[in-house]
Amino acid sequence: MGLRSVAVFCGSSSGSDPAYAEAARLVGRTLAERGLTLVYGGGRVGLMGEVADAALAAGGDVVGVIPSGLFATEVAHTGLTTLHEVGSMHERKQVMADLSDAFLVLPGGAGTLDEVAEQWTWAQIGIHDKPSGFLDVAGFWQPLLVLRDHMVDAGFVRPEAAGIVTVDDDLGRLLERLARPARNIQTL
């Protein structure tokens, strides 16, 4: 079947380092050039807007999924290939998971972590077999690697479940990894 669409989780702000926006543009452009559909949170601001605009400029298909509350505050990107308006953040995560073959994570805050943590959990318990990968821009995700390894060492995450998520600073390598299914691990 192969990789056809990638959900990108990222910040609705641009962050303090210009490298974050550069990486978002690279991700959008690269997905479009590879013929992969970008699925993302539907916003026009921050890293979300950067990744979407870059994919669109490169001729890619971009699917946004945004809760109606955010749509109403004019944060929605209205120039997308498709924009799904949903009722809640939970519904957003479900729709994004349904539309995507893998999850790529750029720098972001609590919402970004929430989105990827749910997908990691779903892969871990066998709801889906889709991998998650963090693009480590300027070392942003290094503290998460330390935490992930600590969770394994402390006995809360099985070593094989830790492999469902990968971290890499090279987008090409990360996309290669995301093209392979996550392990279908039952931990409950």
N, C-alpha and C. Protein backbone atom coordinates (compact mmCIF):
# COMPACT_ATOMS: atom_id res chain seq x y z
N MET A 1 0.83 -1.18 0.00
CA MET A 1 0.00 0.00 0.00
C MET A 1 0.88 1.25 0.00
N GLY A 2 1.86 1.37 0.90
CA GLY A 2 2.78 2.50 0.88
C GLY A 2 2.24 3.74 1.55
N LEU A 3 3.14 4.70 1.66
CA LEU A 3 2.82 5.98 2.27
C LEU A 3 2.18 6.89 1.24
N ARG A 4 0.94 7.32 1.53
CA ARG A 4 0.22 8.22 0.62
C ARG A 4 -0.09 9.56 1.26
N SER A 5 -0.27 9.54 2.58
CA SER A 5 -0.62 10.77 3.28
C SER A 5 0.06 10.79 4.65
N VAL A 6 0.47 11.99 5.05
CA VAL A 6 1.17 12.15 6.32
C VAL A 6 0.49 13.27 7.10
N ALA A 7 0.11 12.97 8.33
CA ALA A 7 -0.40 14.01 9.23
C ALA A 7 0.80 14.69 9.86
N VAL A 8 0.78 16.01 9.85
CA VAL A 8 1.83 16.79 10.49
C VAL A 8 1.22 17.50 11.69
N PHE A 9 1.80 17.25 12.85
CA PHE A 9 1.42 17.94 14.07
C PHE A 9 2.49 18.99 14.34
N CYS A 10 2.06 20.22 14.61
CA CYS A 10 3.03 21.30 14.84
C CYS A 10 2.35 22.47 15.52
N GLY A 11 3.17 23.44 15.88
CA GLY A 11 2.68 24.59 16.62
C GLY A 11 1.82 25.53 15.81
N SER A 12 0.89 26.17 16.49
CA SER A 12 0.09 27.22 15.87
C SER A 12 0.77 28.57 16.02
N SER A 13 1.96 28.57 16.59
CA SER A 13 2.83 29.74 16.60
C SER A 13 4.13 29.33 15.90
N SER A 14 4.97 30.29 15.61
CA SER A 14 6.20 29.99 14.88
C SER A 14 7.39 29.67 15.77
N GLY A 15 7.26 29.90 17.07
CA GLY A 15 8.37 29.63 17.97
C GLY A 15 9.44 30.70 17.89
N SER A 16 10.49 30.54 18.67
CA SER A 16 11.52 31.56 18.81
C SER A 16 12.70 31.40 17.86
N ASP A 17 12.83 30.25 17.22
CA ASP A 17 13.97 29.99 16.34
C ASP A 17 13.48 29.96 14.89
N PRO A 18 14.06 30.77 14.01
CA PRO A 18 13.65 30.75 12.60
C PRO A 18 13.81 29.37 11.94
N ALA A 19 14.62 28.51 12.53
CA ALA A 19 14.81 27.16 11.99
C ALA A 19 13.50 26.36 12.02
N TYR A 20 12.62 26.66 12.95
CA TYR A 20 11.35 25.93 13.04
C TYR A 20 10.49 26.20 11.81
N ALA A 21 10.37 27.46 11.42
CA ALA A 21 9.58 27.81 10.24
C ALA A 21 10.24 27.27 8.97
N GLU A 22 11.57 27.33 8.92
CA GLU A 22 12.28 26.77 7.76
C GLU A 22 11.98 25.28 7.62
N ALA A 23 12.00 24.57 8.75
CA ALA A 23 11.72 23.13 8.72
C ALA A 23 10.28 22.86 8.29
N ALA A 24 9.35 23.67 8.76
CA ALA A 24 7.95 23.49 8.37
C ALA A 24 7.79 23.66 6.86
N ARG A 25 8.45 24.67 6.31
CA ARG A 25 8.39 24.88 4.85
C ARG A 25 9.02 23.71 4.11
N LEU A 26 10.14 23.20 4.62
CA LEU A 26 10.80 22.05 4.00
C LEU A 26 9.88 20.83 4.01
N VAL A 27 9.22 20.60 5.13
CA VAL A 27 8.30 19.45 5.23
C VAL A 27 7.17 19.60 4.22
N GLY A 28 6.54 20.75 4.17
CA GLY A 28 5.43 20.95 3.23
C GLY A 28 5.87 20.76 1.80
N ARG A 29 6.98 21.38 1.43
CA ARG A 29 7.50 21.27 0.07
C ARG A 29 7.88 19.82 -0.27
N THR A 30 8.55 19.14 0.65
CA THR A 30 9.01 17.77 0.41
C THR A 30 7.83 16.81 0.27
N LEU A 31 6.83 16.94 1.11
CA LEU A 31 5.65 16.08 0.99
C LEU A 31 5.00 16.27 -0.38
N ALA A 32 4.85 17.51 -0.80
CA ALA A 32 4.25 17.79 -2.11
C ALA A 32 5.09 17.21 -3.24
N GLU A 33 6.40 17.41 -3.18
CA GLU A 33 7.29 16.90 -4.22
C GLU A 33 7.27 15.38 -4.31
N ARG A 34 7.02 14.72 -3.20
CA ARG A 34 6.94 13.25 -3.18
C ARG A 34 5.54 12.73 -3.48
N GLY A 35 4.62 13.63 -3.75
CA GLY A 35 3.25 13.23 -4.06
C GLY A 35 2.46 12.75 -2.86
N LEU A 36 2.88 13.15 -1.67
CA LEU A 36 2.20 12.76 -0.43
C LEU A 36 1.23 13.85 -0.01
N THR A 37 0.05 13.47 0.36
CA THR A 37 -0.95 14.42 0.86
C THR A 37 -0.58 14.85 2.27
N LEU A 38 -0.61 16.14 2.50
CA LEU A 38 -0.41 16.70 3.83
C LEU A 38 -1.76 16.79 4.53
N VAL A 39 -1.85 16.19 5.70
CA VAL A 39 -3.03 16.31 6.57
C VAL A 39 -2.54 17.05 7.80
N TYR A 40 -3.23 18.11 8.18
CA TYR A 40 -2.77 18.88 9.33
C TYR A 40 -3.96 19.57 9.99
N GLY A 41 -3.69 20.36 11.02
CA GLY A 41 -4.74 20.95 11.85
C GLY A 41 -5.57 22.05 11.25
N GLY A 42 -5.32 22.44 10.01
CA GLY A 42 -6.21 23.36 9.32
C GLY A 42 -5.99 24.83 9.57
N GLY A 43 -4.98 25.20 10.37
CA GLY A 43 -4.75 26.60 10.67
C GLY A 43 -3.93 27.32 9.61
N ARG A 44 -4.03 28.64 9.63
CA ARG A 44 -3.27 29.47 8.68
C ARG A 44 -2.15 30.22 9.39
N VAL A 45 -1.96 29.99 10.67
CA VAL A 45 -0.97 30.72 11.46
C VAL A 45 0.14 29.80 11.94
N GLY A 46 1.25 30.39 12.34
CA GLY A 46 2.35 29.64 12.92
C GLY A 46 2.94 28.60 11.99
N LEU A 47 3.50 27.56 12.58
CA LEU A 47 4.09 26.49 11.78
C LEU A 47 3.04 25.79 10.93
N MET A 48 1.80 25.76 11.44
CA MET A 48 0.72 25.16 10.65
C MET A 48 0.57 25.87 9.31
N GLY A 49 0.52 27.17 9.34
CA GLY A 49 0.39 27.94 8.10
C GLY A 49 1.60 27.77 7.20
N GLU A 50 2.78 27.72 7.79
CA GLU A 50 4.02 27.56 7.00
C GLU A 50 4.03 26.24 6.24
N VAL A 51 3.71 25.14 6.93
CA VAL A 51 3.76 23.83 6.28
C VAL A 51 2.70 23.73 5.18
N ALA A 52 1.51 24.26 5.45
CA ALA A 52 0.43 24.21 4.46
C ALA A 52 0.75 25.06 3.24
N ASP A 53 1.20 26.30 3.47
CA ASP A 53 1.50 27.20 2.36
C ASP A 53 2.62 26.63 1.48
N ALA A 54 3.63 26.04 2.10
CA ALA A 54 4.74 25.47 1.33
C ALA A 54 4.28 24.29 0.48
N ALA A 55 3.43 23.44 1.05
CA ALA A 55 2.91 22.30 0.28
C ALA A 55 2.05 22.78 -0.88
N LEU A 56 1.20 23.76 -0.62
CA LEU A 56 0.34 24.29 -1.68
C LEU A 56 1.18 24.94 -2.79
N ALA A 57 2.19 25.71 -2.41
CA ALA A 57 3.05 26.38 -3.38
C ALA A 57 3.79 25.38 -4.26
N ALA A 58 4.06 24.20 -3.72
CA ALA A 58 4.75 23.15 -4.48
C ALA A 58 3.77 22.25 -5.23
N GLY A 59 2.48 22.60 -5.23
CA GLY A 59 1.48 21.85 -5.98
C GLY A 59 0.91 20.65 -5.27
N GLY A 60 1.09 20.58 -3.95
CA GLY A 60 0.61 19.43 -3.20
C GLY A 60 -0.84 19.52 -2.79
N ASP A 61 -1.39 18.37 -2.40
CA ASP A 61 -2.73 18.30 -1.83
C ASP A 61 -2.62 18.52 -0.32
N VAL A 62 -3.43 19.41 0.21
CA VAL A 62 -3.38 19.74 1.63
C VAL A 62 -4.79 19.63 2.20
N VAL A 63 -4.92 18.78 3.23
CA VAL A 63 -6.19 18.55 3.89
C VAL A 63 -6.09 19.08 5.32
N GLY A 64 -6.94 20.02 5.66
CA GLY A 64 -6.99 20.56 7.00
C GLY A 64 -8.16 20.00 7.77
N VAL A 65 -7.97 19.84 9.08
CA VAL A 65 -9.03 19.37 9.96
C VAL A 65 -9.05 20.31 11.16
N ILE A 66 -10.11 21.10 11.28
CA ILE A 66 -10.15 22.13 12.31
C ILE A 66 -11.47 22.09 13.08
N PRO A 67 -11.40 22.21 14.41
CA PRO A 67 -12.63 22.29 15.20
C PRO A 67 -13.39 23.59 14.90
N SER A 68 -14.69 23.54 14.95
CA SER A 68 -15.52 24.69 14.58
C SER A 68 -15.21 25.92 15.42
N GLY A 69 -14.83 25.77 16.67
CA GLY A 69 -14.49 26.92 17.51
C GLY A 69 -13.30 27.69 16.98
N LEU A 70 -12.32 26.99 16.44
CA LEU A 70 -11.17 27.67 15.86
C LEU A 70 -11.51 28.24 14.49
N PHE A 71 -12.36 27.54 13.76
CA PHE A 71 -12.79 28.04 12.45
C PHE A 71 -13.50 29.38 12.62
N ALA A 72 -14.33 29.46 13.64
CA ALA A 72 -15.12 30.67 13.87
C ALA A 72 -14.26 31.87 14.24
N THR A 73 -13.08 31.65 14.82
CA THR A 73 -12.20 32.76 15.19
C THR A 73 -11.26 33.17 14.06
N GLU A 74 -11.56 32.71 12.86
CA GLU A 74 -10.84 33.08 11.64
C GLU A 74 -9.40 32.60 11.61
N VAL A 75 -9.09 31.50 12.29
CA VAL A 75 -7.76 30.91 12.27
C VAL A 75 -7.65 29.92 11.10
N ALA A 76 -8.77 29.49 10.57
CA ALA A 76 -8.78 28.46 9.53
C ALA A 76 -8.12 28.96 8.25
N HIS A 77 -7.39 28.05 7.62
CA HIS A 77 -6.77 28.32 6.31
C HIS A 77 -7.81 27.99 5.26
N THR A 78 -8.27 28.98 4.52
CA THR A 78 -9.37 28.75 3.57
C THR A 78 -8.89 28.45 2.15
N GLY A 79 -7.58 28.36 1.94
CA GLY A 79 -7.06 28.08 0.60
C GLY A 79 -6.61 26.65 0.39
N LEU A 80 -7.09 25.73 1.19
CA LEU A 80 -6.64 24.34 1.14
C LEU A 80 -7.36 23.53 0.07
N THR A 81 -6.80 22.37 -0.25
CA THR A 81 -7.46 21.45 -1.16
C THR A 81 -8.79 21.02 -0.57
N THR A 82 -8.75 20.66 0.72
CA THR A 82 -9.95 20.25 1.46
C THR A 82 -9.83 20.74 2.89
N LEU A 83 -10.91 21.25 3.46
CA LEU A 83 -10.92 21.66 4.85
C LEU A 83 -12.13 21.01 5.52
N HIS A 84 -11.85 20.16 6.51
CA HIS A 84 -12.92 19.51 7.29
C HIS A 84 -13.13 20.30 8.57
N GLU A 85 -14.36 20.72 8.80
CA GLU A 85 -14.70 21.37 10.06
C GLU A 85 -15.35 20.31 10.95
N VAL A 86 -14.77 20.09 12.14
CA VAL A 86 -15.26 19.06 13.05
C VAL A 86 -15.72 19.71 14.36
N GLY A 87 -16.37 18.94 15.20
CA GLY A 87 -16.97 19.48 16.41
C GLY A 87 -16.05 19.61 17.60
N SER A 88 -14.94 18.88 17.64
CA SER A 88 -14.10 18.90 18.84
C SER A 88 -12.66 18.54 18.50
N MET A 89 -11.79 18.79 19.46
CA MET A 89 -10.38 18.41 19.28
C MET A 89 -10.25 16.89 19.19
N HIS A 90 -11.04 16.16 19.96
CA HIS A 90 -10.98 14.70 19.88
C HIS A 90 -11.37 14.22 18.48
N GLU A 91 -12.44 14.80 17.94
CA GLU A 91 -12.86 14.43 16.58
C GLU A 91 -11.78 14.79 15.57
N ARG A 92 -11.11 15.91 15.78
CA ARG A 92 -10.01 16.31 14.88
C ARG A 92 -8.94 15.22 14.84
N LYS A 93 -8.53 14.74 16.02
CA LYS A 93 -7.48 13.71 16.08
C LYS A 93 -7.93 12.43 15.39
N GLN A 94 -9.18 12.05 15.57
CA GLN A 94 -9.69 10.84 14.93
C GLN A 94 -9.71 10.99 13.41
N VAL A 95 -10.21 12.11 12.91
CA VAL A 95 -10.27 12.33 11.46
C VAL A 95 -8.85 12.37 10.88
N MET A 96 -7.94 13.05 11.56
CA MET A 96 -6.56 13.10 11.06
C MET A 96 -5.95 11.70 11.02
N ALA A 97 -6.23 10.90 12.02
CA ALA A 97 -5.72 9.52 12.03
C ALA A 97 -6.32 8.71 10.90
N ASP A 98 -7.60 8.89 10.67
CA ASP A 98 -8.27 8.15 9.59
C ASP A 98 -7.73 8.52 8.22
N LEU A 99 -7.33 9.77 8.04
CA LEU A 99 -6.89 10.25 6.73
C LEU A 99 -5.40 10.06 6.47
N SER A 100 -4.65 9.58 7.46
CA SER A 100 -3.19 9.55 7.37
C SER A 100 -2.63 8.15 7.50
N ASP A 101 -1.46 7.98 6.89
CA ASP A 101 -0.73 6.71 6.98
C ASP A 101 0.36 6.76 8.05
N ALA A 102 0.77 7.97 8.44
CA ALA A 102 1.83 8.16 9.43
C ALA A 102 1.70 9.57 9.99
N PHE A 103 2.47 9.82 11.07
CA PHE A 103 2.42 11.11 11.76
C PHE A 103 3.82 11.68 11.87
N LEU A 104 3.98 12.91 11.43
CA LEU A 104 5.26 13.61 11.50
C LEU A 104 5.07 14.81 12.43
N VAL A 105 6.00 14.98 13.37
CA VAL A 105 5.84 15.99 14.39
C VAL A 105 6.96 17.03 14.29
N LEU A 106 6.56 18.27 14.12
CA LEU A 106 7.46 19.41 14.15
C LEU A 106 7.40 20.04 15.54
N PRO A 107 8.26 21.00 15.84
CA PRO A 107 8.17 21.66 17.15
C PRO A 107 6.77 22.22 17.40
N GLY A 108 6.41 22.21 18.66
CA GLY A 108 5.10 22.71 19.07
C GLY A 108 4.98 22.62 20.58
N GLY A 109 3.79 22.91 21.07
CA GLY A 109 3.55 22.93 22.51
C GLY A 109 2.70 21.77 22.98
N ALA A 110 1.88 22.05 23.98
CA ALA A 110 1.08 21.02 24.62
C ALA A 110 0.11 20.36 23.65
N GLY A 111 -0.50 21.14 22.75
CA GLY A 111 -1.43 20.56 21.78
C GLY A 111 -0.75 19.58 20.84
N THR A 112 0.46 19.93 20.42
CA THR A 112 1.24 19.05 19.55
C THR A 112 1.55 17.74 20.28
N LEU A 113 1.98 17.85 21.53
CA LEU A 113 2.26 16.63 22.30
C LEU A 113 1.01 15.80 22.51
N ASP A 114 -0.11 16.45 22.78
CA ASP A 114 -1.37 15.73 22.96
C ASP A 114 -1.71 14.92 21.71
N GLU A 115 -1.58 15.56 20.55
CA GLU A 115 -1.94 14.89 19.30
C GLU A 115 -1.07 13.66 19.05
N VAL A 116 0.23 13.80 19.21
CA VAL A 116 1.10 12.66 18.91
C VAL A 116 1.05 11.60 20.01
N ALA A 117 0.85 12.02 21.25
CA ALA A 117 0.76 11.03 22.33
C ALA A 117 -0.43 10.10 22.12
N GLU A 118 -1.53 10.65 21.66
CA GLU A 118 -2.69 9.80 21.41
C GLU A 118 -2.40 8.80 20.28
N GLN A 119 -1.74 9.26 19.23
CA GLN A 119 -1.45 8.35 18.12
C GLN A 119 -0.44 7.28 18.52
N TRP A 120 0.53 7.63 19.33
CA TRP A 120 1.49 6.67 19.85
C TRP A 120 0.76 5.63 20.69
N THR A 121 -0.15 6.07 21.54
CA THR A 121 -0.92 5.16 22.37
C THR A 121 -1.78 4.23 21.52
N TRP A 122 -2.44 4.80 20.50
CA TRP A 122 -3.30 3.98 19.64
C TRP A 122 -2.49 2.91 18.91
N ALA A 123 -1.30 3.25 18.46
CA ALA A 123 -0.44 2.25 17.80
C ALA A 123 0.02 1.20 18.81
N GLN A 124 0.31 1.63 20.02
CA GLN A 124 0.79 0.74 21.07
C GLN A 124 -0.24 -0.32 21.43
N ILE A 125 -1.52 0.08 21.46
CA ILE A 125 -2.55 -0.88 21.87
C ILE A 125 -3.26 -1.53 20.69
N GLY A 126 -2.80 -1.22 19.48
CA GLY A 126 -3.31 -1.93 18.31
C GLY A 126 -4.52 -1.32 17.64
N ILE A 127 -4.89 -0.08 17.96
CA ILE A 127 -6.01 0.57 17.27
C ILE A 127 -5.64 0.83 15.82
N HIS A 128 -4.38 1.20 15.59
CA HIS A 128 -3.86 1.31 14.23
C HIS A 128 -2.39 0.90 14.23
N ASP A 129 -1.80 0.81 13.06
CA ASP A 129 -0.41 0.40 12.92
C ASP A 129 0.38 1.49 12.20
N LYS A 130 0.19 2.72 12.65
CA LYS A 130 0.80 3.87 11.98
C LYS A 130 1.91 4.45 12.85
N PRO A 131 3.09 4.64 12.27
CA PRO A 131 4.21 5.16 13.06
C PRO A 131 4.15 6.67 13.23
N SER A 132 4.89 7.15 14.22
CA SER A 132 5.04 8.57 14.48
C SER A 132 6.53 8.91 14.47
N GLY A 133 6.86 10.05 13.88
CA GLY A 133 8.24 10.48 13.84
C GLY A 133 8.37 11.95 14.15
N PHE A 134 9.36 12.28 14.96
CA PHE A 134 9.64 13.66 15.34
C PHE A 134 10.80 14.18 14.51
N LEU A 135 10.61 15.29 13.80
CA LEU A 135 11.70 15.93 13.11
C LEU A 135 12.40 16.82 14.15
N ASP A 136 13.61 16.45 14.49
CA ASP A 136 14.34 17.12 15.57
C ASP A 136 15.05 18.36 15.04
N VAL A 137 14.32 19.44 15.00
CA VAL A 137 14.81 20.71 14.48
C VAL A 137 15.60 21.43 15.59
N ALA A 138 16.87 21.65 15.34
CA ALA A 138 17.73 22.39 16.28
C ALA A 138 17.69 21.78 17.69
N GLY A 139 17.60 20.44 17.76
CA GLY A 139 17.61 19.74 19.04
C GLY A 139 16.33 19.86 19.86
N PHE A 140 15.25 20.37 19.24
CA PHE A 140 14.01 20.63 19.97
C PHE A 140 13.50 19.40 20.72
N TRP A 141 13.56 18.22 20.09
CA TRP A 141 12.94 17.03 20.68
C TRP A 141 13.90 16.20 21.54
N GLN A 142 15.12 16.64 21.76
CA GLN A 142 16.05 15.87 22.59
C GLN A 142 15.53 15.62 24.00
N PRO A 143 14.91 16.59 24.67
CA PRO A 143 14.35 16.29 26.00
C PRO A 143 13.27 15.20 25.96
N LEU A 144 12.52 15.12 24.85
CA LEU A 144 11.52 14.07 24.73
C LEU A 144 12.17 12.69 24.63
N LEU A 145 13.29 12.61 23.92
CA LEU A 145 14.02 11.34 23.84
C LEU A 145 14.46 10.89 25.22
N VAL A 146 14.96 11.82 26.02
CA VAL A 146 15.37 11.50 27.38
C VAL A 146 14.18 10.99 28.18
N LEU A 147 13.04 11.67 28.06
CA LEU A 147 11.83 11.23 28.76
C LEU A 147 11.37 9.87 28.29
N ARG A 148 11.34 9.64 26.97
CA ARG A 148 10.93 8.34 26.44
C ARG A 148 11.81 7.23 27.00
N ASP A 149 13.12 7.43 26.99
CA ASP A 149 14.04 6.42 27.51
C ASP A 149 13.85 6.22 29.01
N HIS A 150 13.56 7.31 29.72
CA HIS A 150 13.29 7.20 31.16
C HIS A 150 12.01 6.38 31.41
N MET A 151 10.99 6.57 30.59
CA MET A 151 9.75 5.80 30.75
C MET A 151 10.02 4.31 30.51
N VAL A 152 10.90 4.00 29.58
CA VAL A 152 11.28 2.60 29.34
C VAL A 152 12.04 2.07 30.55
N ASP A 153 13.06 2.81 30.98
CA ASP A 153 13.88 2.37 32.12
C ASP A 153 13.05 2.19 33.39
N ALA A 154 12.03 3.04 33.56
CA ALA A 154 11.18 2.97 34.75
C ALA A 154 10.10 1.89 34.64
N GLY A 155 10.00 1.22 33.49
CA GLY A 155 9.06 0.13 33.33
C GLY A 155 7.66 0.53 32.92
N PHE A 156 7.47 1.75 32.44
CA PHE A 156 6.14 2.19 32.02
C PHE A 156 5.90 2.06 30.52
N VAL A 157 6.95 1.94 29.76
CA VAL A 157 6.86 1.74 28.31
C VAL A 157 7.76 0.58 27.95
N ARG A 158 7.22 -0.40 27.24
CA ARG A 158 8.03 -1.53 26.79
C ARG A 158 9.04 -1.05 25.75
N PRO A 159 10.22 -1.62 25.74
CA PRO A 159 11.23 -1.19 24.76
C PRO A 159 10.72 -1.23 23.31
N GLU A 160 9.97 -2.27 22.98
CA GLU A 160 9.46 -2.36 21.60
C GLU A 160 8.40 -1.30 21.31
N ALA A 161 7.67 -0.85 22.33
CA ALA A 161 6.68 0.21 22.14
C ALA A 161 7.37 1.56 21.96
N ALA A 162 8.54 1.72 22.55
CA ALA A 162 9.29 2.97 22.36
C ALA A 162 9.67 3.14 20.90
N GLY A 163 9.83 2.04 20.18
CA GLY A 163 10.20 2.10 18.77
C GLY A 163 9.10 2.54 17.84
N ILE A 164 7.88 2.66 18.35
CA ILE A 164 6.77 3.15 17.52
C ILE A 164 7.03 4.60 17.13
N VAL A 165 7.71 5.33 18.01
CA VAL A 165 8.06 6.71 17.69
C VAL A 165 9.56 6.79 17.43
N THR A 166 9.91 7.58 16.44
CA THR A 166 11.32 7.76 16.10
C THR A 166 11.62 9.25 16.05
N VAL A 167 12.86 9.57 16.30
CA VAL A 167 13.30 10.96 16.26
C VAL A 167 14.50 11.02 15.33
N ASP A 168 14.49 11.98 14.40
CA ASP A 168 15.60 12.15 13.47
C ASP A 168 15.69 13.61 13.06
N ASP A 169 16.89 14.08 12.81
CA ASP A 169 17.06 15.46 12.35
C ASP A 169 17.14 15.55 10.83
N ASP A 170 17.00 14.40 10.15
CA ASP A 170 17.05 14.36 8.69
C ASP A 170 15.67 13.96 8.16
N LEU A 171 15.03 14.86 7.41
CA LEU A 171 13.67 14.61 6.93
C LEU A 171 13.59 13.40 6.02
N GLY A 172 14.55 13.21 5.13
CA GLY A 172 14.52 12.07 4.22
C GLY A 172 14.53 10.75 4.97
N ARG A 173 15.43 10.62 5.94
CA ARG A 173 15.50 9.38 6.75
C ARG A 173 14.21 9.19 7.52
N LEU A 174 13.68 10.28 8.07
CA LEU A 174 12.46 10.18 8.86
C LEU A 174 11.30 9.69 8.00
N LEU A 175 11.18 10.22 6.78
CA LEU A 175 10.09 9.77 5.90
C LEU A 175 10.26 8.30 5.50
N GLU A 176 11.50 7.85 5.34
CA GLU A 176 11.73 6.42 5.07
C GLU A 176 11.22 5.58 6.22
N ARG A 177 11.49 5.99 7.44
CA ARG A 177 11.03 5.25 8.61
C ARG A 177 9.51 5.27 8.71
N LEU A 178 8.92 6.41 8.38
CA LEU A 178 7.46 6.53 8.48
C LEU A 178 6.75 5.70 7.42
N ALA A 179 7.45 5.28 6.40
CA ALA A 179 6.85 4.43 5.36
C ALA A 179 6.69 2.99 5.83
N ARG A 180 7.29 2.66 6.96
CA ARG A 180 7.17 1.30 7.52
C ARG A 180 6.13 1.31 8.64
N PRO A 181 5.30 0.27 8.72
CA PRO A 181 4.27 0.25 9.77
C PRO A 181 4.88 0.18 11.17
N ALA A 182 4.16 0.73 12.12
CA ALA A 182 4.54 0.60 13.53
C ALA A 182 4.26 -0.84 13.95
N ARG A 183 4.91 -1.25 14.97
CA ARG A 183 4.62 -2.60 15.49
C ARG A 183 3.26 -2.58 16.16
N ASN A 184 2.52 -3.64 15.95
CA ASN A 184 1.19 -3.76 16.56
C ASN A 184 1.35 -4.43 17.91
N ILE A 185 1.50 -3.63 18.94
CA ILE A 185 1.86 -4.11 20.27
C ILE A 185 0.67 -4.04 21.22
N GLN A 186 0.40 -5.12 21.88
CA GLN A 186 -0.67 -5.13 22.88
C GLN A 186 -0.02 -5.01 24.26
N THR A 187 -0.33 -3.94 24.98
CA THR A 187 0.27 -3.73 26.28
C THR A 187 -0.74 -3.76 27.42
N LEU A 188 -2.02 -3.84 27.08
CA LEU A 188 -3.01 -3.83 28.16
C LEU A 188 -3.35 -5.24 28.59
